[in-house]
Amino acid sequence: MAIPLMQQIEEAARFTAVHAALAPEDESSVPWLLTGAVLMVQQSATLALAEAGAELPAMPGPGELVARIANADCLAQPYTAPMKPEHHRAFDTVIAARNSFMHPKPDGLALEAASLPAGLQVSVDLVRHLILTQPVRPSMVGDAHAASIRHSLELVETSVDFWKTVIRAA
């Protein structure tokens, strides 16, 4: 079975949007939201770097991929992801929370919800930049994929914005 990476990105964005919509009212969706957010960034970064001709390690982690797409030596301008140190920290928080879920502990999962929206927004911004705003090769994203990914990212943003108000009110 072969599934093109662009199709995987579209599916990950859709999966993330579904769990983003559920997360404010169903905490069991939060780990899946984090998983989807990290995955769609990994996939988008891998595609952008591959299209730019960058050499990739066999199994790079999400933090390493984000560091590469934010480095003009790895991904030339104007394709370089616009990342400030606070963006890296916010996304690292999402990665750490996702890792807590992916590597379970006997006492379960404890997440600090208030620390997650900023990193989730970074994930949306990264995918939008790499796939929609400044793709390395514009033809790598077909119109149907672009429309679907754009819609999913908008849904994630709307949910994250709402989630922020719920967290503040709690």
Protein backbone atom coordinates (compact mmCIF):
# COMPACT_ATOMS: atom_id res chain seq x y z
CA MET A 1 0.00 0.00 0.00
CA ALA A 2 1.35 3.42 -0.93
CA ILE A 3 -0.21 6.61 0.39
CA PRO A 4 1.27 9.85 -0.95
CA LEU A 5 2.63 12.17 1.74
CA MET A 6 0.32 15.02 0.69
CA GLN A 7 -2.68 12.75 1.26
CA GLN A 8 -1.28 11.83 4.68
CA ILE A 9 -0.91 15.52 5.56
CA GLU A 10 -4.50 16.16 4.52
CA GLU A 11 -5.71 13.23 6.63
CA ALA A 12 -3.63 14.30 9.64
CA ALA A 13 -5.01 17.85 9.38
CA ARG A 14 -8.57 16.51 9.20
CA PHE A 15 -7.95 14.17 12.17
CA THR A 16 -6.49 17.07 14.14
CA ALA A 17 -9.47 19.29 13.32
CA VAL A 18 -11.93 16.64 14.55
CA HIS A 19 -10.14 16.28 17.87
CA ALA A 20 -9.65 20.05 18.18
CA ALA A 21 -13.42 20.46 17.95
CA LEU A 22 -13.98 17.80 20.62
CA ALA A 23 -11.17 18.80 23.02
CA PRO A 24 -12.85 21.74 24.80
CA GLU A 25 -15.65 19.47 26.01
CA ASP A 26 -14.06 16.02 25.90
CA GLU A 27 -10.65 15.76 27.54
CA SER A 28 -10.13 12.29 26.08
CA SER A 29 -9.68 14.00 22.68
CA VAL A 30 -6.78 16.17 23.89
CA PRO A 31 -4.08 13.47 23.52
CA TRP A 32 -5.34 12.71 20.01
CA LEU A 33 -5.35 16.42 19.17
CA LEU A 34 -1.71 16.63 20.27
CA THR A 35 -0.82 13.51 18.30
CA GLY A 36 -2.42 14.88 15.14
CA ALA A 37 -0.86 18.31 15.54
CA VAL A 38 2.65 16.90 15.90
CA LEU A 39 2.13 14.42 13.06
CA MET A 40 0.90 17.01 10.56
CA VAL A 41 3.93 19.18 11.34
CA GLN A 42 6.31 16.23 10.94
CA GLN A 43 4.75 15.29 7.64
CA SER A 44 4.73 18.87 6.32
CA ALA A 45 8.33 19.45 7.37
CA THR A 46 9.44 16.18 5.79
CA LEU A 47 7.75 17.07 2.52
CA ALA A 48 9.18 20.61 2.45
CA LEU A 49 12.70 19.43 3.23
CA ALA A 50 12.48 16.62 0.67
CA GLU A 51 11.22 19.01 -2.01
CA ALA A 52 14.14 21.32 -1.20
CA GLY A 53 16.55 18.43 -1.69
CA ALA A 54 17.63 18.30 1.95
CA GLU A 55 19.09 15.10 3.32
CA LEU A 56 16.94 13.69 6.10
CA PRO A 57 17.91 11.28 8.86
CA ALA A 58 16.11 7.93 8.79
CA MET A 59 13.78 8.74 11.69
CA PRO A 60 13.98 12.41 12.64
CA GLY A 61 11.92 13.57 15.59
CA PRO A 62 9.49 16.46 15.37
CA GLY A 63 11.77 18.85 17.24
CA GLU A 64 14.64 18.09 14.89
CA LEU A 65 12.43 18.59 11.83
CA VAL A 66 11.15 21.92 13.13
CA ALA A 67 14.71 23.05 13.87
CA ARG A 68 15.64 22.19 10.27
CA ILE A 69 12.71 23.99 8.62
CA ALA A 70 13.44 27.06 10.76
CA ASN A 71 17.10 27.09 9.69
CA ALA A 72 17.86 28.88 6.42
CA ASP A 73 20.89 26.62 5.97
CA CYS A 74 18.52 23.62 5.73
CA LEU A 75 15.49 25.25 4.10
CA ALA A 76 16.39 28.37 2.13
CA GLN A 77 14.50 31.63 2.34
CA PRO A 78 11.68 32.32 1.60
CA TYR A 79 10.69 28.77 2.54
CA THR A 80 12.27 28.87 6.00
CA ALA A 81 9.65 28.64 8.73
CA PRO A 82 9.40 31.92 10.67
CA MET A 83 10.10 30.61 14.17
CA LYS A 84 10.98 32.68 17.21
CA PRO A 85 12.35 31.07 20.39
CA GLU A 86 8.91 31.26 22.03
CA HIS A 87 7.42 29.37 19.07
CA HIS A 88 9.98 26.59 19.52
CA ARG A 89 9.19 26.43 23.25
CA ALA A 90 5.44 26.34 22.63
CA PHE A 91 5.74 23.55 20.09
CA ASP A 92 8.17 21.66 22.35
CA THR A 93 5.44 21.73 25.02
CA VAL A 94 3.03 20.06 22.59
CA ILE A 95 5.67 17.47 21.66
CA ALA A 96 6.32 16.71 25.35
CA ALA A 97 2.60 16.37 26.05
CA ARG A 98 2.19 14.09 23.02
CA ASN A 99 5.15 12.02 24.20
CA SER A 100 3.53 11.65 27.64
CA PHE A 101 0.55 10.10 25.90
CA MET A 102 2.58 7.94 23.51
CA HIS A 103 4.73 6.57 26.36
CA PRO A 104 2.13 5.81 29.06
CA LYS A 105 2.83 5.76 32.75
CA PRO A 106 1.04 3.52 35.27
CA ASP A 107 -0.60 6.53 36.96
CA GLY A 108 -2.12 7.79 33.70
CA LEU A 109 -1.80 11.07 31.86
CA ALA A 110 -1.65 14.53 33.41
CA LEU A 111 -1.50 17.52 31.10
CA GLU A 112 -1.45 21.24 31.83
CA ALA A 113 -4.16 22.38 29.40
CA ALA A 114 -3.29 26.08 29.64
CA SER A 115 0.18 25.43 28.20
CA LEU A 116 -1.07 23.76 25.01
CA PRO A 117 -2.96 26.32 22.85
CA ALA A 118 0.15 28.34 21.94
CA GLY A 119 1.93 25.24 20.65
CA LEU A 120 -1.16 24.07 18.80
CA GLN A 121 -1.29 27.46 17.07
CA VAL A 122 2.37 27.06 16.13
CA SER A 123 1.55 23.69 14.55
CA VAL A 124 -1.20 25.29 12.46
CA ASP A 125 1.10 28.15 11.46
CA LEU A 126 3.88 25.76 10.43
CA VAL A 127 1.64 23.59 8.26
CA ARG A 128 0.03 26.67 6.71
CA HIS A 129 3.45 28.16 5.91
CA LEU A 130 5.01 24.98 4.53
CA ILE A 131 2.04 23.69 2.56
CA LEU A 132 -0.19 26.66 1.69
CA THR A 133 1.65 29.98 1.98
CA GLN A 134 5.20 29.18 0.88
CA PRO A 135 5.47 25.63 -0.48
CA VAL A 136 8.93 24.78 -1.82
CA ARG A 137 7.36 23.68 -5.09
CA PRO A 138 3.90 25.21 -5.62
CA SER A 139 2.77 22.26 -7.75
CA MET A 140 3.36 19.87 -4.82
CA VAL A 141 -0.06 20.87 -3.42
CA GLY A 142 -3.10 20.33 -5.61
CA ASP A 143 -6.11 22.63 -5.29
CA ALA A 144 -8.29 20.00 -3.61
CA HIS A 145 -5.64 19.11 -1.04
CA ALA A 146 -4.95 22.79 -0.37
CA ALA A 147 -8.65 23.56 0.16
CA SER A 148 -9.10 20.61 2.52
CA ILE A 149 -5.96 21.40 4.53
CA ARG A 150 -6.86 25.10 4.71
CA HIS A 151 -10.33 24.23 6.01
CA SER A 152 -8.97 21.82 8.60
CA LEU A 153 -6.42 24.36 9.84
CA GLU A 154 -9.16 27.00 10.16
CA LEU A 155 -11.22 24.56 12.23
CA VAL A 156 -8.25 23.83 14.50
CA GLU A 157 -7.66 27.57 14.99
CA THR A 158 -11.30 28.20 15.82
CA SER A 159 -11.33 25.38 18.35
CA VAL A 160 -8.05 26.46 19.93
CA ASP A 161 -9.34 30.03 20.25
CA PHE A 162 -12.48 28.73 21.95
CA TRP A 163 -10.42 26.38 24.13
CA LYS A 164 -8.38 29.35 25.38
CA THR A 165 -11.57 31.03 26.65
CA VAL A 166 -12.69 27.82 28.36
CA ILE A 167 -9.31 27.41 30.06
CA ARG A 168 -9.37 31.02 31.30
CA ALA A 169 -12.91 30.63 32.60
CA ALA A 170 -12.11 27.42 34.46
